[in-house]
């Protein structure tokens, strides 16, 4: 996904086709990086579930720490939704 045709000259039809392929590769590269980030955020969100459950099960848990973890989890959920929207095709387009 790193290489582009980047055709400088040639017949107009061939140049247009090469430019179209380059734009398609740009979109694929962007989608790939967004998808990778979505996987990372999803894993962190899942790990927070475990950490929150473990902390909440401790009778002497730190309430402030528990609230911070829950807040972080909500922020990650929002980030996951934003990333997912970037991957979903625009229906109106």
N, C-alpha and C. Protein backbone atom coordinates (compact mmCIF):
# COMPACT_ATOMS: atom_id res chain seq x y z
N UNK A 1 0.81 -1.21 0.00
CA UNK A 1 0.00 0.00 0.00
C UNK A 1 0.84 1.27 0.00
N UNK A 2 2.16 1.11 0.05
CA UNK A 2 3.03 2.28 0.11
C UNK A 2 3.41 2.82 -1.26
N UNK A 3 3.36 2.00 -2.26
CA UNK A 3 3.80 2.45 -3.59
C UNK A 3 2.63 3.01 -4.39
N UNK A 4 2.93 4.03 -5.19
CA UNK A 4 1.93 4.65 -6.05
C UNK A 4 2.45 4.66 -7.48
N UNK A 5 1.53 4.73 -8.42
CA UNK A 5 1.91 4.78 -9.83
C UNK A 5 2.52 6.14 -10.15
N UNK A 6 1.87 7.19 -9.72
CA UNK A 6 2.35 8.57 -9.89
C UNK A 6 2.83 8.83 -11.31
N UNK A 7 1.97 8.53 -12.26
CA UNK A 7 2.30 8.70 -13.67
C UNK A 7 2.37 10.18 -14.01
N UNK A 8 3.49 10.60 -14.60
CA UNK A 8 3.70 12.01 -14.93
C UNK A 8 3.18 12.38 -16.31
N UNK A 9 3.27 11.50 -17.24
CA UNK A 9 2.86 11.84 -18.60
C UNK A 9 2.05 10.71 -19.20
N UNK A 10 2.01 10.69 -20.51
CA UNK A 10 1.29 9.63 -21.20
C UNK A 10 -0.09 10.09 -21.63
N UNK A 11 -0.82 9.18 -22.28
CA UNK A 11 -2.17 9.52 -22.73
C UNK A 11 -3.07 9.90 -21.54
N UNK A 12 -3.97 10.80 -21.79
CA UNK A 12 -4.86 11.33 -20.75
C UNK A 12 -5.65 10.22 -20.06
N UNK A 13 -6.14 9.24 -20.87
CA UNK A 13 -6.93 8.15 -20.29
C UNK A 13 -6.09 7.31 -19.33
N UNK A 14 -4.84 7.05 -19.71
CA UNK A 14 -3.95 6.24 -18.87
C UNK A 14 -3.60 7.01 -17.60
N UNK A 15 -3.33 8.31 -17.74
CA UNK A 15 -3.03 9.16 -16.58
C UNK A 15 -4.21 9.19 -15.61
N UNK A 16 -5.43 9.32 -16.15
CA UNK A 16 -6.62 9.34 -15.30
C UNK A 16 -6.79 8.01 -14.57
N UNK A 17 -6.53 6.92 -15.25
CA UNK A 17 -6.63 5.60 -14.63
C UNK A 17 -5.57 5.43 -13.53
N UNK A 18 -4.35 5.86 -13.81
CA UNK A 18 -3.27 5.77 -12.82
C UNK A 18 -3.60 6.62 -11.59
N UNK A 19 -4.11 7.82 -11.81
CA UNK A 19 -4.50 8.70 -10.70
C UNK A 19 -5.62 8.07 -9.87
N UNK A 20 -6.55 7.41 -10.55
CA UNK A 20 -7.65 6.75 -9.86
C UNK A 20 -7.13 5.61 -8.99
N UNK A 21 -6.19 4.83 -9.50
CA UNK A 21 -5.58 3.76 -8.72
C UNK A 21 -4.83 4.33 -7.51
N UNK A 22 -4.12 5.42 -7.72
CA UNK A 22 -3.39 6.04 -6.61
C UNK A 22 -4.34 6.52 -5.51
N UNK A 23 -5.46 7.11 -5.89
CA UNK A 23 -6.45 7.56 -4.90
C UNK A 23 -7.05 6.36 -4.15
N UNK A 24 -7.29 5.27 -4.88
CA UNK A 24 -7.83 4.07 -4.26
C UNK A 24 -6.83 3.51 -3.24
N UNK A 25 -5.57 3.49 -3.59
CA UNK A 25 -4.53 3.01 -2.67
C UNK A 25 -4.42 3.91 -1.44
N UNK A 26 -4.58 5.21 -1.64
CA UNK A 26 -4.58 6.14 -0.50
C UNK A 26 -5.72 5.82 0.46
N UNK A 27 -6.92 5.57 -0.09
CA UNK A 27 -8.07 5.25 0.76
C UNK A 27 -7.87 3.92 1.49
N UNK A 28 -7.29 2.94 0.79
CA UNK A 28 -7.02 1.64 1.43
C UNK A 28 -6.00 1.77 2.56
N UNK A 29 -4.97 2.56 2.34
CA UNK A 29 -3.95 2.76 3.38
C UNK A 29 -4.55 3.45 4.60
N UNK A 30 -5.39 4.44 4.36
CA UNK A 30 -6.05 5.14 5.47
C UNK A 30 -6.97 4.19 6.23
N UNK A 31 -7.76 3.43 5.51
CA UNK A 31 -8.67 2.48 6.15
C UNK A 31 -7.90 1.44 6.95
N UNK A 32 -6.78 1.00 6.44
CA UNK A 32 -5.97 0.01 7.14
C UNK A 32 -5.44 0.56 8.47
N UNK A 33 -4.97 1.80 8.46
CA UNK A 33 -4.45 2.38 9.70
C UNK A 33 -5.58 2.66 10.69
N UNK A 34 -6.75 3.06 10.21
CA UNK A 34 -7.90 3.29 11.09
C UNK A 34 -8.34 1.96 11.70
N UNK A 35 -8.36 0.92 10.89
CA UNK A 35 -8.76 -0.40 11.38
C UNK A 35 -7.78 -0.90 12.45
N UNK A 36 -6.50 -0.70 12.22
CA UNK A 36 -5.50 -1.11 13.21
C UNK A 36 -5.70 -0.36 14.52
N UNK A 37 -5.96 0.93 14.44
CA UNK A 37 -6.19 1.73 15.64
C UNK A 37 -7.45 1.26 16.37
N UNK A 38 -8.50 0.91 15.59
CA UNK A 38 -9.73 0.41 16.18
C UNK A 38 -9.48 -0.88 16.96
N UNK A 39 -8.66 -1.76 16.43
CA UNK A 39 -8.32 -3.00 17.12
C UNK A 39 -7.59 -2.69 18.43
N UNK A 40 -6.64 -1.77 18.38
CA UNK A 40 -5.89 -1.40 19.58
C UNK A 40 -6.80 -0.83 20.67
N UNK A 41 -7.69 0.07 20.27
CA UNK A 41 -8.59 0.71 21.23
C UNK A 41 -9.58 -0.32 21.79
N UNK A 42 -10.06 -1.22 20.94
CA UNK A 42 -10.98 -2.26 21.39
C UNK A 42 -10.32 -3.17 22.41
N UNK A 43 -9.07 -3.53 22.18
CA UNK A 43 -8.35 -4.37 23.14
C UNK A 43 -8.15 -3.66 24.48
N UNK A 44 -7.81 -2.38 24.40
CA UNK A 44 -7.64 -1.62 25.64
C UNK A 44 -8.97 -1.52 26.40
N UNK A 45 -10.07 -1.32 25.67
CA UNK A 45 -11.40 -1.24 26.28
C UNK A 45 -11.73 -2.57 26.98
N UNK A 46 -11.44 -3.68 26.32
CA UNK A 46 -11.69 -4.99 26.91
C UNK A 46 -10.84 -5.21 28.16
N UNK A 47 -9.58 -4.79 28.09
CA UNK A 47 -8.70 -4.94 29.24
C UNK A 47 -9.18 -4.11 30.43
N UNK A 48 -9.76 -2.96 30.15
CA UNK A 48 -10.31 -2.13 31.23
C UNK A 48 -11.48 -2.82 31.92
N UNK A 49 -12.29 -3.57 31.16
CA UNK A 49 -13.37 -4.35 31.77
C UNK A 49 -12.82 -5.25 32.87
N UNK A 50 -11.75 -5.94 32.54
CA UNK A 50 -11.13 -6.86 33.50
C UNK A 50 -10.58 -6.09 34.70
N UNK A 51 -9.89 -4.99 34.45
CA UNK A 51 -9.30 -4.21 35.53
C UNK A 51 -10.38 -3.62 36.44
N UNK A 52 -11.47 -3.15 35.85
CA UNK A 52 -12.56 -2.58 36.63
C UNK A 52 -13.22 -3.66 37.49
N UNK A 53 -13.46 -4.81 36.92
CA UNK A 53 -14.08 -5.90 37.68
C UNK A 53 -13.18 -6.35 38.83
N UNK A 54 -11.89 -6.44 38.56
CA UNK A 54 -10.95 -6.86 39.59
C UNK A 54 -10.90 -5.82 40.73
N UNK A 55 -10.85 -4.55 40.36
CA UNK A 55 -10.78 -3.50 41.37
C UNK A 55 -12.08 -3.42 42.18
N UNK A 56 -13.21 -3.54 41.50
CA UNK A 56 -14.51 -3.46 42.19
C UNK A 56 -14.70 -4.64 43.14
N UNK A 57 -14.11 -5.78 42.83
CA UNK A 57 -14.25 -6.96 43.69
C UNK A 57 -13.46 -6.83 44.98
N UNK A 58 -12.46 -5.96 44.97
CA UNK A 58 -11.65 -5.74 46.17
C UNK A 58 -12.43 -4.85 47.14
N UNK A 59 -12.67 -5.35 48.33
CA UNK A 59 -13.47 -4.59 49.32
C UNK A 59 -12.81 -3.26 49.69
N UNK A 60 -11.51 -3.21 49.64
CA UNK A 60 -10.79 -1.99 50.02
C UNK A 60 -10.31 -1.21 48.79
N UNK A 61 -11.11 -1.26 47.73
CA UNK A 61 -10.68 -0.61 46.48
C UNK A 61 -10.68 0.91 46.58
N UNK A 62 -9.89 1.50 45.73
CA UNK A 62 -9.77 2.96 45.65
C UNK A 62 -10.90 3.46 44.75
N UNK A 63 -11.87 4.12 45.31
CA UNK A 63 -13.04 4.59 44.57
C UNK A 63 -12.65 5.59 43.47
N UNK A 64 -11.69 6.45 43.76
CA UNK A 64 -11.24 7.42 42.76
C UNK A 64 -10.62 6.70 41.56
N UNK A 65 -9.80 5.71 41.83
CA UNK A 65 -9.18 4.94 40.75
C UNK A 65 -10.25 4.22 39.93
N UNK A 66 -11.25 3.68 40.59
CA UNK A 66 -12.34 2.99 39.89
C UNK A 66 -13.08 3.96 38.97
N UNK A 67 -13.36 5.16 39.46
CA UNK A 67 -14.04 6.16 38.63
C UNK A 67 -13.17 6.57 37.44
N UNK A 68 -11.87 6.69 37.65
CA UNK A 68 -10.96 7.04 36.54
C UNK A 68 -10.96 5.96 35.46
N UNK A 69 -10.93 4.72 35.90
CA UNK A 69 -10.95 3.62 34.93
C UNK A 69 -12.26 3.60 34.14
N UNK A 70 -13.37 3.83 34.83
CA UNK A 70 -14.66 3.86 34.14
C UNK A 70 -14.74 5.03 33.16
N UNK A 71 -14.18 6.16 33.55
CA UNK A 71 -14.16 7.32 32.65
C UNK A 71 -13.31 7.02 31.41
N UNK A 72 -12.16 6.41 31.63
CA UNK A 72 -11.30 6.03 30.51
C UNK A 72 -12.02 5.06 29.57
N UNK A 73 -12.77 4.15 30.15
CA UNK A 73 -13.52 3.18 29.35
C UNK A 73 -14.56 3.89 28.48
N UNK A 74 -15.24 4.88 29.05
CA UNK A 74 -16.22 5.65 28.27
C UNK A 74 -15.55 6.43 27.13
N UNK A 75 -14.40 7.01 27.42
CA UNK A 75 -13.66 7.73 26.38
C UNK A 75 -13.24 6.80 25.25
N UNK A 76 -12.82 5.59 25.63
CA UNK A 76 -12.43 4.61 24.62
C UNK A 76 -13.64 4.18 23.78
N UNK A 77 -14.79 4.04 24.43
CA UNK A 77 -16.00 3.67 23.70
C UNK A 77 -16.35 4.74 22.66
N UNK A 78 -16.22 6.01 23.05
CA UNK A 78 -16.46 7.10 22.10
C UNK A 78 -15.46 7.06 20.95
N UNK A 79 -14.21 6.80 21.28
CA UNK A 79 -13.17 6.72 20.26
C UNK A 79 -13.44 5.55 19.31
N UNK A 80 -13.89 4.43 19.85
CA UNK A 80 -14.24 3.29 19.01
C UNK A 80 -15.36 3.64 18.04
N UNK A 81 -16.35 4.37 18.52
CA UNK A 81 -17.47 4.77 17.66
C UNK A 81 -16.99 5.70 16.54
N UNK A 82 -16.10 6.64 16.87
CA UNK A 82 -15.57 7.55 15.85
C UNK A 82 -14.77 6.78 14.79
N UNK A 83 -13.94 5.86 15.24
CA UNK A 83 -13.14 5.07 14.30
C UNK A 83 -14.03 4.20 13.43
N UNK A 84 -15.06 3.61 14.01
CA UNK A 84 -15.98 2.78 13.24
C UNK A 84 -16.70 3.60 12.17
N UNK A 85 -17.09 4.83 12.52
CA UNK A 85 -17.74 5.70 11.53
C UNK A 85 -16.80 6.00 10.37
N UNK A 86 -15.50 6.12 10.65
CA UNK A 86 -14.54 6.37 9.58
C UNK A 86 -14.44 5.18 8.63
N UNK A 87 -14.66 3.99 9.16
CA UNK A 87 -14.56 2.78 8.34
C UNK A 87 -15.84 2.49 7.57
N UNK A 88 -16.98 2.90 8.11
CA UNK A 88 -18.26 2.64 7.46
C UNK A 88 -18.41 3.56 6.25
N UNK A 89 -18.84 2.98 5.13
CA UNK A 89 -19.03 3.83 3.95
C UNK A 89 -20.16 4.83 4.17
N UNK A 90 -20.02 5.98 3.58
CA UNK A 90 -21.06 7.02 3.68
C UNK A 90 -22.22 6.61 2.79
N UNK A 91 -23.36 6.37 3.37
CA UNK A 91 -24.53 5.87 2.64
C UNK A 91 -25.00 6.88 1.61
N UNK A 92 -24.89 8.16 1.91
CA UNK A 92 -25.37 9.18 0.99
C UNK A 92 -24.42 9.46 -0.16
N UNK A 93 -23.20 8.97 -0.09
CA UNK A 93 -22.21 9.28 -1.13
C UNK A 93 -22.45 8.56 -2.39
